Amino acid sequence: MPEHLYPVRPHPSRPHRTLQDAANDGMLLDIRCNRCHRQVAYLALDLLKVCGPSHPLHVPPFGCGKCGSTEFVRLRTRIPSPEEYGRLAIRRPVKQVWKWRVGVLGE
C-alpha cells in the first residue's frame, strides 16, 4: 500500500491504534480488496506474529492474495458478535514456510 495515502502523524489527542491494541481488545480485522472483491477475516492476535505489535491499524498488513493489488485493499476492525462464534470463517496461521534458493558458495 502506498505510504503517502496515510496520515504521517496522528492527532495529539487520538494516537494511532496498533495491532497490539486490537489484540488486547479481541478484535477481528476484515480485509477487503475493492478490485477483485475478495474479503478475508483475521484475528488481530494472529497477525501479531506476522506484522509485529507496533503495526498501525489504519495500514493494511499486506496486499490482496488473489489479484496482488495493494492500493485497493481496505481494512476494517470490529469486535465479533456472540452469534459469529462457531460460524465465522477466519484465516489462521498454520505453519511458517521457508523459501530456499540454490546459490553458489561465496555469493
Protein backbone atom coordinates (compact mmCIF):
# COMPACT_ATOMS: atom_id res chain seq x y z
CA MET A 1 0.00 0.00 0.00
CA PRO A 2 1.43 3.39 -0.84
CA GLU A 3 2.52 5.03 2.38
CA HIS A 4 1.66 8.53 1.13
CA LEU A 5 -2.07 7.77 1.40
CA TYR A 6 -1.97 7.54 5.18
CA PRO A 7 -1.55 10.32 7.73
CA VAL A 8 2.04 10.75 8.78
CA ARG A 9 1.28 11.99 12.28
CA PRO A 10 -1.75 11.19 14.41
CA HIS A 11 -3.75 13.85 16.15
CA PRO A 12 -2.26 14.54 19.62
CA SER A 13 -5.49 13.61 21.40
CA ARG A 14 -6.03 10.42 19.35
CA PRO A 15 -2.86 8.43 18.69
CA HIS A 16 -2.87 5.66 16.07
CA ARG A 17 -4.01 2.29 17.35
CA THR A 18 -1.69 -0.67 16.79
CA LEU A 19 -2.19 -4.40 16.28
CA GLN A 20 -1.31 -4.88 19.94
CA ASP A 21 -4.23 -2.65 20.95
CA ALA A 22 -6.60 -4.62 18.70
CA ALA A 23 -5.31 -7.95 20.02
CA ASN A 24 -5.83 -6.81 23.61
CA ASP A 25 -9.45 -5.94 22.72
CA GLY A 26 -10.03 -9.27 20.90
CA MET A 27 -10.80 -7.62 17.57
CA LEU A 28 -11.23 -9.04 14.09
CA LEU A 29 -9.66 -7.44 11.03
CA ASP A 30 -11.78 -7.59 7.89
CA ILE A 31 -9.55 -7.07 4.87
CA ARG A 32 -11.31 -6.44 1.57
CA CYS A 33 -9.90 -5.92 -1.91
CA ASN A 34 -12.11 -3.48 -3.78
CA ARG A 35 -10.58 -4.57 -7.07
CA CYS A 36 -11.46 -8.30 -7.04
CA HIS A 37 -13.96 -8.13 -4.14
CA ARG A 38 -12.18 -10.74 -2.03
CA GLN A 39 -12.90 -10.42 1.69
CA VAL A 40 -10.98 -12.22 4.45
CA ALA A 41 -11.22 -12.01 8.24
CA TYR A 42 -8.22 -12.35 10.56
CA LEU A 43 -7.81 -12.29 14.31
CA ALA A 44 -5.60 -9.41 15.40
CA LEU A 45 -3.82 -11.81 17.76
CA ASP A 46 -2.73 -13.98 14.79
CA LEU A 47 -1.41 -11.02 12.82
CA LEU A 48 0.85 -10.03 15.72
CA LYS A 49 3.16 -12.91 14.74
CA VAL A 50 3.26 -11.80 11.11
CA CYS A 51 3.40 -8.00 11.30
CA GLY A 52 4.59 -7.26 14.83
CA PRO A 53 2.82 -5.48 17.68
CA SER A 54 3.63 -1.93 16.57
CA HIS A 55 1.98 -2.20 13.12
CA PRO A 56 -0.62 0.62 12.81
CA LEU A 57 -4.23 -0.48 12.36
CA HIS A 58 -5.01 2.02 9.62
CA VAL A 59 -2.42 0.40 7.29
CA PRO A 60 -3.37 -2.99 5.76
CA PRO A 61 -0.74 -5.60 6.68
CA PHE A 62 -0.35 -6.95 3.12
CA GLY A 63 -1.85 -6.82 -0.35
CA CYS A 64 -4.56 -9.00 -1.86
CA GLY A 65 -3.63 -12.65 -2.19
CA LYS A 66 -5.88 -13.16 -5.20
CA CYS A 67 -5.10 -10.28 -7.57
CA GLY A 68 -1.90 -8.94 -5.98
CA SER A 69 -3.22 -5.41 -5.66
CA THR A 70 -2.05 -3.28 -2.76
CA GLU A 71 -3.69 0.04 -3.50
CA PHE A 72 -7.30 -1.22 -3.42
CA VAL A 73 -7.05 -3.13 -0.14
CA ARG A 74 -9.09 -1.69 2.75
CA LEU A 75 -9.07 -2.72 6.38
CA ARG A 76 -11.90 -2.59 8.89
CA THR A 77 -11.65 -3.56 12.55
CA ARG A 78 -14.52 -4.82 14.65
CA ILE A 79 -15.34 -6.85 17.72
CA PRO A 80 -17.02 -10.15 16.82
CA SER A 81 -20.63 -10.54 17.89
CA PRO A 82 -21.65 -13.55 20.02
CA GLU A 83 -23.60 -15.03 17.07
CA GLU A 84 -20.43 -15.24 14.97
CA TYR A 85 -18.59 -17.61 17.31
CA GLY A 86 -18.58 -21.03 15.72
CA ARG A 87 -19.87 -19.70 12.38
CA LEU A 88 -17.50 -17.04 11.01
CA ALA A 89 -14.68 -18.29 8.80
CA ILE A 90 -11.36 -16.68 9.68
CA ARG A 91 -7.88 -17.29 8.33
CA ARG A 92 -5.44 -18.67 10.88
CA PRO A 93 -1.69 -19.29 10.54
CA VAL A 94 -0.78 -22.97 10.38
CA LYS A 95 2.97 -23.01 9.88
CA GLN A 96 5.75 -20.84 8.56
CA VAL A 97 7.02 -21.87 5.15
CA TRP A 98 10.62 -21.12 4.27
CA LYS A 99 11.58 -20.45 0.68
CA TRP A 100 15.04 -21.59 -0.36
CA ARG A 101 17.13 -20.90 -3.39
CA VAL A 102 20.23 -22.61 -4.69
CA GLY A 103 23.28 -20.42 -4.90
CA VAL A 104 26.99 -20.71 -5.41
CA LEU A 105 29.29 -20.68 -2.39
CA GLY A 106 30.76 -17.21 -1.99
CA GLU A 107 27.84 -15.22 -3.40
